[in-house]
C-alpha atoms as a PDB file:
ATOM      1  CA  UNK A   1     -13.788  13.764  -1.062  1.00  0.00           C
ATOM      2  CA  UNK A   2     -12.274  11.387   1.584  1.00  0.00           C
ATOM      3  CA  UNK A   3     -15.487   9.677   2.238  1.00  0.00           C
ATOM      4  CA  UNK A   4     -15.955   8.864  -1.568  1.00  0.00           C
ATOM      5  CA  UNK A   5     -12.307   7.492  -1.592  1.00  0.00           C
ATOM      6  CA  UNK A   6     -12.882   5.462   1.330  1.00  0.00           C
ATOM      7  CA  UNK A   7     -16.216   4.137  -0.209  1.00  0.00           C
ATOM      8  CA  UNK A   8     -14.243   3.300  -3.187  1.00  0.00           C
ATOM      9  CA  UNK A   9     -11.433   1.284  -1.546  1.00  0.00           C
ATOM     10  CA  UNK A  10     -13.876  -0.332   0.612  1.00  0.00           C
ATOM     11  CA  UNK A  11     -16.025  -1.781  -2.272  1.00  0.00           C
ATOM     12  CA  UNK A  12     -12.782  -2.677  -4.026  1.00  0.00           C
ATOM     13  CA  UNK A  13     -11.270  -4.417  -1.212  1.00  0.00           C
ATOM     14  CA  UNK A  14     -14.715  -6.489  -0.863  1.00  0.00           C
ATOM     15  CA  UNK A  15     -14.576  -7.535  -4.636  1.00  0.00           C
ATOM     16  CA  UNK A  16     -11.091  -8.698  -4.251  1.00  0.00           C
ATOM     17  CA  UNK A  17     -11.288 -10.399  -1.069  1.00  0.00           C
ATOM     18  CA  UNK A  18     -12.525 -13.716  -2.461  1.00  0.00           C
ATOM     19  CA  UNK A  19      -9.653 -13.760  -4.805  1.00  0.00           C
ATOM     20  CA  UNK A  20      -7.314 -13.110  -1.856  1.00  0.00           C
ATOM     21  CA  UNK A  21      -8.666 -15.752   0.069  1.00  0.00           C
ATOM     22  CA  UNK A  22      -8.346 -18.448  -2.688  1.00  0.00           C
ATOM     23  CA  UNK A  23      -4.597 -17.225  -3.210  1.00  0.00           C
ATOM     24  CA  UNK A  24      -4.172 -17.439   0.570  1.00  0.00           C
ATOM     25  CA  UNK A  25      -5.431 -21.009   0.463  1.00  0.00           C
ATOM     26  CA  UNK A  26      -2.775 -21.907  -2.196  1.00  0.00           C
ATOM     27  CA  UNK A  27      -5.098 -21.794  -5.353  1.00  0.00           C
ATOM     28  CA  UNK A  28      -2.438 -21.591  -8.172  1.00  0.00           C
ATOM     29  CA  UNK A  29      -5.321 -20.444 -10.501  1.00  0.00           C
ATOM     30  CA  UNK A  30      -6.085 -17.649  -7.994  1.00  0.00           C
ATOM     31  CA  UNK A  31      -2.507 -16.713  -8.020  1.00  0.00           C
ATOM     32  CA  UNK A  32      -2.440 -16.496 -11.849  1.00  0.00           C
ATOM     33  CA  UNK A  33      -5.646 -14.291 -11.887  1.00  0.00           C
ATOM     34  CA  UNK A  34      -3.952 -11.942  -9.299  1.00  0.00           C
ATOM     35  CA  UNK A  35      -0.753 -11.879 -11.107  1.00  0.00           C
ATOM     36  CA  UNK A  36      -2.402 -11.055 -14.591  1.00  0.00           C
ATOM     37  CA  UNK A  37      -4.500  -8.491 -12.707  1.00  0.00           C
ATOM     38  CA  UNK A  38      -1.576  -6.666 -10.868  1.00  0.00           C
ATOM     39  CA  UNK A  39       1.665  -7.507 -12.495  1.00  0.00           C
ATOM     40  CA  UNK A  40       1.346  -3.907 -14.588  1.00  0.00           C
ATOM     41  CA  UNK A  41       0.618  -2.020 -11.645  1.00  0.00           C
ATOM     42  CA  UNK A  42       3.435  -3.601  -9.796  1.00  0.00           C
ATOM     43  CA  UNK A  43       5.737  -2.739 -12.448  1.00  0.00           C
ATOM     44  CA  UNK A  44       4.636   0.993 -12.027  1.00  0.00           C
ATOM     45  CA  UNK A  45       4.991   0.966  -8.471  1.00  0.00           C
ATOM     46  CA  UNK A  46       8.598  -0.551  -8.786  1.00  0.00           C
ATOM     47  CA  UNK A  47       9.549   1.924 -11.442  1.00  0.00           C
ATOM     48  CA  UNK A  48       8.420   4.771  -8.939  1.00  0.00           C
ATOM     49  CA  UNK A  49      11.179   3.218  -6.576  1.00  0.00           C
ATOM     50  CA  UNK A  50      13.924   2.528  -9.100  1.00  0.00           C
ATOM     51  CA  UNK A  51      13.506   4.785 -11.922  1.00  0.00           C
ATOM     52  CA  UNK A  52      14.888   2.186 -14.360  1.00  0.00           C
ATOM     53  CA  UNK A  53      12.664  -0.112 -16.383  1.00  0.00           C
ATOM     54  CA  UNK A  54      14.693  -3.371 -16.222  1.00  0.00           C
ATOM     55  CA  UNK A  55      15.232  -3.164 -12.378  1.00  0.00           C
ATOM     56  CA  UNK A  56      11.429  -2.128 -12.052  1.00  0.00           C
ATOM     57  CA  UNK A  57      10.314  -5.184 -13.953  1.00  0.00           C
ATOM     58  CA  UNK A  58      12.499  -7.513 -11.766  1.00  0.00           C
ATOM     59  CA  UNK A  59      11.252  -5.779  -8.547  1.00  0.00           C
ATOM     60  CA  UNK A  60       7.552  -6.277  -9.606  1.00  0.00           C
ATOM     61  CA  UNK A  61       8.067  -9.903 -10.566  1.00  0.00           C
ATOM     62  CA  UNK A  62       9.980 -10.664  -7.245  1.00  0.00           C
ATOM     63  CA  UNK A  63       7.185  -8.739  -5.240  1.00  0.00           C
ATOM     64  CA  UNK A  64       4.487 -10.894  -6.635  1.00  0.00           C
ATOM     65  CA  UNK A  65       6.540 -14.063  -6.161  1.00  0.00           C
ATOM     66  CA  UNK A  66       7.022 -13.093  -2.470  1.00  0.00           C
ATOM     67  CA  UNK A  67       3.328 -12.626  -2.020  1.00  0.00           C
ATOM     68  CA  UNK A  68       2.921 -16.192  -3.402  1.00  0.00           C
ATOM     69  CA  UNK A  69       5.642 -17.561  -0.945  1.00  0.00           C
ATOM     70  CA  UNK A  70       4.063 -15.706   1.961  1.00  0.00           C
ATOM     71  CA  UNK A  71       0.436 -16.405   0.995  1.00  0.00           C
ATOM     72  CA  UNK A  72      -0.480 -18.070   4.290  1.00  0.00           C
ATOM     73  CA  UNK A  73       0.004 -14.729   6.161  1.00  0.00           C
ATOM     74  CA  UNK A  74      -1.557 -12.636   3.639  1.00  0.00           C
ATOM     75  CA  UNK A  75      -3.920  -9.944   5.169  1.00  0.00           C
ATOM     76  CA  UNK A  76      -7.033 -10.312   3.126  1.00  0.00           C
ATOM     77  CA  UNK A  77      -8.792  -7.334   4.802  1.00  0.00           C
ATOM     78  CA  UNK A  78      -6.334  -4.935   2.846  1.00  0.00           C
ATOM     79  CA  UNK A  79      -6.549  -4.022  -1.013  1.00  0.00           C
ATOM     80  CA  UNK A  80      -4.342  -5.771  -3.160  1.00  0.00           C
ATOM     81  CA  UNK A  81      -2.373  -2.738  -4.046  1.00  0.00           C
ATOM     82  CA  UNK A  82      -1.728  -1.926  -0.519  1.00  0.00           C
ATOM     83  CA  UNK A  83      -0.452  -5.756  -0.048  1.00  0.00           C
ATOM     84  CA  UNK A  84       1.664  -5.328  -3.195  1.00  0.00           C
ATOM     85  CA  UNK A  85       3.046  -1.998  -2.008  1.00  0.00           C
ATOM     86  CA  UNK A  86       4.020  -3.268   1.480  1.00  0.00           C
ATOM     87  CA  UNK A  87       5.633  -6.272   0.155  1.00  0.00           C
ATOM     88  CA  UNK A  88       7.507  -4.446  -2.565  1.00  0.00           C
ATOM     89  CA  UNK A  89       8.938  -2.208   0.163  1.00  0.00           C
ATOM     90  CA  UNK A  90      10.262  -5.081   1.964  1.00  0.00           C
ATOM     91  CA  UNK A  91      11.656  -6.919  -1.014  1.00  0.00           C
ATOM     92  CA  UNK A  92      13.313  -3.626  -2.111  1.00  0.00           C
ATOM     93  CA  UNK A  93      15.049  -3.030   1.361  1.00  0.00           C
ATOM     94  CA  UNK A  94      15.944  -6.786   1.408  1.00  0.00           C
ATOM     95  CA  UNK A  95      17.730  -6.377  -1.971  1.00  0.00           C
ATOM     96  CA  UNK A  96      19.453  -3.061  -1.041  1.00  0.00           C
ATOM     97  CA  UNK A  97      20.655  -4.563   2.142  1.00  0.00           C
ATOM     98  CA  UNK A  98      21.944  -7.787   0.297  1.00  0.00           C
ATOM     99  CA  UNK A  99      23.912  -5.276  -2.022  1.00  0.00           C
ATOM    100  CA  UNK A 100      25.465  -3.788   0.761  1.00  0.00           C
ATOM    101  CA  UNK A 101      26.725  -7.001   2.469  1.00  0.00           C
END
């Protein structure tokens, strides 16, 4: 079971890598493609954190903007969903900390 999951993720990562490399180099068309491909799943992930639709949409948008802002340091060897999830956690924790200050 895990070997088939690994195979799936490995193939998916290889197929996403050219897009991530273009995004990393600052190509706005690549970011639009990345955005269009992943905004919906970013909203779903964010809803899992927040359990409210409006806040989840904001967190999803903010997460993808953060990926664009930090594109030069993007780890293109990871699947896009992992990059989104890691970035989302950072953005979410930063927002929580800002609300507490």
